[in-house]
N, C-alpha and C. Protein backbone atom coordinates (compact mmCIF):
# COMPACT_ATOMS: atom_id res chain seq x y z
N UNK A 1 18.84 -1.86 33.14
CA UNK A 1 19.13 -2.09 31.80
C UNK A 1 19.12 -3.58 31.28
N UNK A 2 19.34 -4.43 32.20
CA UNK A 2 19.28 -5.64 31.90
C UNK A 2 17.89 -6.35 31.61
N UNK A 3 17.00 -5.82 32.35
CA UNK A 3 15.52 -5.94 32.15
C UNK A 3 15.03 -5.44 30.77
N UNK A 4 15.45 -4.36 30.55
CA UNK A 4 15.05 -3.84 29.03
C UNK A 4 15.59 -4.39 28.05
N UNK A 5 16.61 -4.99 28.06
CA UNK A 5 17.30 -5.99 26.91
C UNK A 5 16.38 -7.38 27.06
N UNK A 6 16.26 -7.75 28.09
CA UNK A 6 15.51 -9.09 28.12
C UNK A 6 14.02 -9.01 27.46
N UNK A 7 13.39 -7.84 27.89
CA UNK A 7 12.29 -7.61 27.22
C UNK A 7 12.32 -7.35 25.80
N UNK A 8 13.29 -6.50 25.29
CA UNK A 8 13.36 -6.42 23.80
C UNK A 8 13.78 -7.69 23.06
N UNK A 9 14.33 -8.50 23.86
CA UNK A 9 14.77 -10.09 23.19
C UNK A 9 13.38 -10.70 23.08
N UNK A 10 12.53 -10.62 24.26
CA UNK A 10 11.26 -11.28 24.28
C UNK A 10 10.26 -10.73 23.06
N UNK A 11 10.28 -9.57 22.82
CA UNK A 11 9.39 -9.00 21.89
C UNK A 11 9.91 -9.35 20.39
N UNK A 12 11.40 -9.27 20.28
CA UNK A 12 11.89 -9.68 19.11
C UNK A 12 11.58 -11.07 18.73
N UNK A 13 11.62 -11.97 19.86
CA UNK A 13 11.29 -13.47 19.45
C UNK A 13 9.71 -13.68 19.15
N UNK A 14 8.83 -12.82 19.91
CA UNK A 14 7.52 -12.86 19.56
C UNK A 14 7.20 -12.55 18.08
N UNK A 15 7.87 -11.44 17.80
CA UNK A 15 7.71 -10.85 16.34
C UNK A 15 8.10 -12.03 15.29
N UNK A 16 9.32 -12.58 15.51
CA UNK A 16 9.78 -13.88 14.78
C UNK A 16 8.89 -14.91 14.65
N UNK A 17 8.11 -15.33 15.88
CA UNK A 17 7.18 -16.41 15.95
C UNK A 17 6.05 -15.82 15.11
N UNK A 18 5.67 -14.59 15.25
CA UNK A 18 4.39 -14.32 14.50
C UNK A 18 4.70 -14.28 12.93
N UNK A 19 5.83 -13.83 12.52
CA UNK A 19 6.23 -13.88 11.11
C UNK A 19 6.29 -15.19 10.48
N UNK A 20 6.81 -16.26 11.46
CA UNK A 20 6.91 -17.55 10.98
C UNK A 20 5.39 -18.25 10.83
N UNK A 21 4.37 -17.86 11.78
CA UNK A 21 3.22 -18.43 11.73
C UNK A 21 2.38 -17.83 10.52
N UNK A 22 2.41 -16.51 10.24
CA UNK A 22 1.89 -15.92 9.17
C UNK A 22 2.59 -16.43 7.80
N UNK A 23 3.88 -16.81 7.71
CA UNK A 23 4.46 -17.05 6.61
C UNK A 23 4.12 -18.61 6.29
N UNK A 24 3.49 -19.45 7.24
CA UNK A 24 3.20 -20.77 6.96
C UNK A 24 1.83 -21.13 7.15
N UNK A 25 0.83 -20.18 6.96
CA UNK A 25 -0.58 -20.38 7.00
C UNK A 25 -1.02 -21.34 5.96
N UNK A 26 -0.40 -21.28 4.86
CA UNK A 26 -0.81 -22.33 3.67
C UNK A 26 -0.35 -23.62 3.74
N UNK A 27 0.70 -23.90 4.46
CA UNK A 27 1.24 -25.25 4.49
C UNK A 27 0.28 -26.25 5.06
N UNK A 28 -0.41 -26.26 5.82
CA UNK A 28 -1.53 -26.94 6.32
C UNK A 28 -2.53 -27.33 5.18
N UNK A 29 -3.17 -26.30 4.49
CA UNK A 29 -3.99 -26.57 3.40
C UNK A 29 -3.38 -27.21 2.23
N UNK A 30 -2.16 -26.92 1.98
CA UNK A 30 -1.53 -27.46 0.80
C UNK A 30 -1.21 -28.98 1.00
N UNK A 31 -0.74 -29.38 2.41
CA UNK A 31 -0.70 -30.65 2.54
C UNK A 31 -2.01 -31.43 2.53
N UNK A 32 -3.03 -30.97 2.93
CA UNK A 32 -4.31 -31.59 2.93
C UNK A 32 -4.66 -31.76 1.37
N UNK A 33 -4.54 -30.67 0.49
CA UNK A 33 -4.72 -30.96 -1.10
C UNK A 33 -3.98 -31.98 -1.57
N UNK A 34 -2.56 -32.24 -0.96
CA UNK A 34 -1.63 -33.08 -1.58
C UNK A 34 -1.78 -34.48 -1.15
N UNK A 35 -2.93 -34.81 -0.27
CA UNK A 35 -3.42 -36.13 0.23
C UNK A 35 -2.81 -36.66 1.73
N UNK A 36 -2.39 -35.50 2.36
CA UNK A 36 -1.93 -35.86 3.60
C UNK A 36 -3.04 -35.99 4.65
N UNK A 37 -2.90 -36.76 5.73
CA UNK A 37 -4.17 -36.64 6.75
C UNK A 37 -4.13 -35.47 7.45
N UNK A 38 -5.11 -35.17 8.25
CA UNK A 38 -5.14 -33.95 9.16
C UNK A 38 -4.00 -33.88 10.11
N UNK A 39 -3.74 -35.02 10.74
CA UNK A 39 -2.59 -34.96 11.64
C UNK A 39 -1.19 -34.96 10.94
N UNK A 40 -1.11 -35.35 9.65
CA UNK A 40 0.33 -35.43 9.08
C UNK A 40 0.33 -33.94 8.61
N UNK A 41 -0.71 -33.08 8.19
CA UNK A 41 -0.65 -31.92 7.72
C UNK A 41 -0.23 -30.99 8.89
N UNK A 42 -0.95 -31.16 9.99
CA UNK A 42 -0.70 -30.50 11.16
C UNK A 42 0.87 -30.40 11.68
N UNK A 43 1.20 -31.70 11.60
CA UNK A 43 2.66 -31.87 11.95
C UNK A 43 3.70 -31.22 10.83
N UNK A 44 3.23 -31.33 9.57
CA UNK A 44 4.03 -30.48 8.64
C UNK A 44 4.02 -29.02 8.96
N UNK A 45 2.87 -28.51 9.04
CA UNK A 45 2.57 -27.04 9.36
C UNK A 45 3.47 -26.56 10.57
N UNK A 46 3.43 -27.43 11.88
CA UNK A 46 4.17 -27.13 12.85
C UNK A 46 5.74 -27.39 12.64
N UNK A 47 6.17 -28.16 11.95
CA UNK A 47 7.61 -28.30 11.60
C UNK A 47 7.93 -27.22 10.85
N UNK A 48 7.25 -26.91 10.01
CA UNK A 48 7.47 -25.79 8.80
C UNK A 48 7.72 -24.44 9.68
N UNK A 49 6.82 -24.31 10.65
CA UNK A 49 6.70 -22.90 11.36
C UNK A 49 8.02 -22.85 12.34
N UNK A 50 8.10 -24.04 13.06
CA UNK A 50 9.23 -24.09 13.82
C UNK A 50 10.58 -24.00 13.26
N UNK A 51 10.77 -24.53 12.20
CA UNK A 51 11.87 -24.64 11.37
C UNK A 51 12.24 -23.14 10.87
N UNK A 52 11.08 -22.43 10.43
CA UNK A 52 11.43 -20.80 9.90
C UNK A 52 11.73 -20.15 11.00
N UNK A 53 10.99 -20.39 12.32
CA UNK A 53 11.59 -19.43 13.56
C UNK A 53 12.91 -19.70 13.88
N UNK A 54 13.26 -20.89 13.94
CA UNK A 54 14.84 -21.44 14.17
C UNK A 54 15.71 -20.72 13.33
N UNK A 55 15.44 -20.89 12.04
CA UNK A 55 16.34 -20.28 10.97
C UNK A 55 16.53 -18.77 11.13
N UNK A 56 15.39 -18.18 11.36
CA UNK A 56 15.41 -16.67 11.50
C UNK A 56 16.17 -16.13 12.75
N UNK A 57 15.75 -16.94 13.73
CA UNK A 57 16.51 -16.53 15.18
C UNK A 57 18.00 -16.97 15.23
N UNK A 58 18.28 -18.23 14.90
CA UNK A 58 19.74 -18.72 15.22
C UNK A 58 20.55 -18.54 14.12
N UNK A 59 20.07 -18.19 12.97
CA UNK A 59 21.11 -17.81 11.99
C UNK A 59 21.12 -16.32 11.77
N UNK A 60 20.41 -15.66 12.58
CA UNK A 60 20.58 -14.21 12.73
C UNK A 60 19.76 -13.37 11.36
N UNK A 61 19.05 -14.33 10.71
CA UNK A 61 18.15 -13.68 9.42
C UNK A 61 17.19 -12.83 9.91
N UNK A 62 16.47 -13.15 11.26
CA UNK A 62 15.49 -12.33 11.69
C UNK A 62 15.99 -10.81 12.13
N UNK A 63 17.34 -10.63 12.31
CA UNK A 63 17.80 -9.55 12.98
C UNK A 63 17.59 -8.30 11.93
N UNK A 64 17.46 -8.53 10.49
CA UNK A 64 17.44 -7.61 9.52
C UNK A 64 16.02 -6.93 9.77
N UNK A 65 15.25 -7.59 10.45
CA UNK A 65 13.71 -6.70 10.64
C UNK A 65 13.78 -5.93 11.83
N UNK A 66 15.01 -5.95 12.53
CA UNK A 66 14.86 -5.00 14.00
C UNK A 66 15.94 -3.94 13.65
N UNK A 67 15.65 -2.86 14.55
CA UNK A 67 16.76 -1.91 14.47
C UNK A 67 17.78 -2.50 15.35
N UNK A 68 19.05 -1.95 15.01
CA UNK A 68 20.31 -2.39 15.61
C UNK A 68 20.59 -1.42 16.72
N UNK A 69 19.52 -0.37 17.16
CA UNK A 69 19.80 0.58 18.18
C UNK A 69 19.79 -0.10 19.39
N UNK A 70 20.40 0.58 20.47
CA UNK A 70 20.45 0.21 21.65
C UNK A 70 18.91 0.30 22.44
N UNK A 71 18.40 -0.56 22.98
CA UNK A 71 17.01 -0.60 23.62
C UNK A 71 16.58 0.42 24.14
N UNK A 72 17.67 1.09 25.03
CA UNK A 72 17.28 2.22 25.84
C UNK A 72 16.87 3.59 24.88
N UNK A 73 17.22 3.45 23.74
CA UNK A 73 16.93 4.64 22.84
C UNK A 73 15.82 4.32 21.91
N UNK A 74 15.24 3.01 21.82
CA UNK A 74 14.18 2.64 20.97
C UNK A 74 12.97 3.48 21.29
N UNK A 75 12.52 3.58 22.51
CA UNK A 75 11.43 4.58 23.05
C UNK A 75 11.44 5.90 22.55
N UNK A 76 12.74 6.45 22.77
CA UNK A 76 13.02 7.95 22.44
C UNK A 76 12.94 7.95 20.95
N UNK A 77 13.34 7.02 20.13
CA UNK A 77 13.35 6.95 18.67
C UNK A 77 11.85 7.05 18.13
N UNK A 78 11.14 6.26 18.84
CA UNK A 78 9.72 6.03 18.32
C UNK A 78 9.02 7.26 18.72
N UNK A 79 9.23 7.73 19.97
CA UNK A 79 8.53 9.23 20.40
C UNK A 79 8.83 10.15 19.31
N UNK A 80 10.15 10.36 19.07
CA UNK A 80 10.39 11.51 18.15
C UNK A 80 9.84 11.20 16.79
N UNK A 81 9.80 10.03 16.35
CA UNK A 81 9.09 9.82 15.01
C UNK A 81 7.59 10.13 15.00
N UNK A 82 6.90 9.60 16.00
CA UNK A 82 5.59 10.02 16.20
C UNK A 82 5.44 11.56 16.12
N UNK A 83 6.29 12.28 17.14
CA UNK A 83 6.01 13.59 17.23
C UNK A 83 6.10 14.45 15.75
N UNK A 84 7.14 13.68 15.05
CA UNK A 84 7.32 14.43 13.73
C UNK A 84 6.19 14.19 12.80
N UNK A 85 5.63 13.05 13.03
CA UNK A 85 4.24 12.75 12.26
C UNK A 85 3.02 13.75 12.56
N UNK A 86 2.99 13.94 13.93
CA UNK A 86 1.96 14.93 14.38
C UNK A 86 2.22 16.30 13.85
N UNK A 87 3.53 16.59 14.23
CA UNK A 87 3.75 17.95 13.57
C UNK A 87 3.54 18.18 12.23
N UNK A 88 4.02 17.16 11.25
CA UNK A 88 3.64 17.21 9.89
C UNK A 88 2.17 17.27 9.63
N UNK A 89 1.37 16.57 10.24
CA UNK A 89 -0.01 16.50 10.03
C UNK A 89 -0.76 17.98 10.41
N UNK A 90 -0.17 18.35 11.53
CA UNK A 90 -0.74 19.67 11.99
C UNK A 90 -0.38 20.78 11.00
N UNK A 91 0.80 20.61 10.60
CA UNK A 91 1.16 21.71 9.32
C UNK A 91 0.30 21.41 8.14
N UNK A 92 0.34 20.34 7.69
CA UNK A 92 -0.56 20.13 6.67
C UNK A 92 -2.01 20.52 6.70
N UNK A 93 -2.55 20.12 7.72
CA UNK A 93 -4.20 20.33 7.81
C UNK A 93 -4.38 21.54 8.61
N UNK A 94 -3.50 22.29 9.06
CA UNK A 94 -3.67 23.63 9.59
C UNK A 94 -4.10 23.53 11.17
N UNK A 95 -3.68 22.54 11.83
CA UNK A 95 -3.95 22.39 13.24
C UNK A 95 -5.26 22.20 13.70
N UNK A 96 -5.77 23.30 14.28
CA UNK A 96 -7.26 23.39 14.83
C UNK A 96 -8.29 22.90 13.88
N UNK A 97 -7.95 23.09 12.43
CA UNK A 97 -9.01 22.94 11.40
C UNK A 97 -9.55 21.43 11.55
N UNK A 98 -8.48 20.61 11.62
CA UNK A 98 -8.91 19.27 11.78
C UNK A 98 -9.89 18.99 12.58
N UNK A 99 -9.97 19.42 13.85
CA UNK A 99 -10.59 19.08 15.12
C UNK A 99 -12.05 19.80 14.58
N UNK A 100 -11.90 20.89 14.04
CA UNK A 100 -13.30 21.58 13.80
C UNK A 100 -14.02 20.80 12.73
N UNK A 101 -13.43 20.33 11.78
CA UNK A 101 -14.15 19.81 10.68
C UNK A 101 -14.71 18.22 11.37
N UNK A 102 -14.10 17.67 12.04
CA UNK A 102 -14.64 16.40 12.73
C UNK A 102 -15.80 16.88 13.48
N UNK A 103 -15.73 18.08 14.29
CA UNK A 103 -16.83 18.36 15.27
C UNK A 103 -18.20 18.54 14.36
N UNK A 104 -17.89 19.38 13.22
CA UNK A 104 -19.04 19.74 12.41
C UNK A 104 -19.56 18.50 11.65
N UNK A 105 -18.90 17.54 11.32
CA UNK A 105 -19.52 16.43 10.75
C UNK A 105 -20.17 15.59 11.70
N UNK A 106 -19.93 15.62 12.94
CA UNK A 106 -20.60 14.62 13.65
C UNK A 106 -21.85 15.18 14.36
């Protein structure tokens, strides 16, 4: 169970890092437009990204993006959710009808 918690934390940190990078994509260009050199703009963008990641991670703001569920139940909850979607689509589209229509179009 300790490994599962470790991997869940790594996944959360990677997600926070990705969100910080995506949120700061315009910092570099904006700094260049305001007259910064390429090196200064790169340092500003890096600092902004690291700052956003740190605030999200260490102040707990990033936790609002993740389920508070125990990691051992995360897979089960995801599987149940996907099974529900599949069942809903099968009921909505009549099950085998979907496959038949795809085969006829091909």
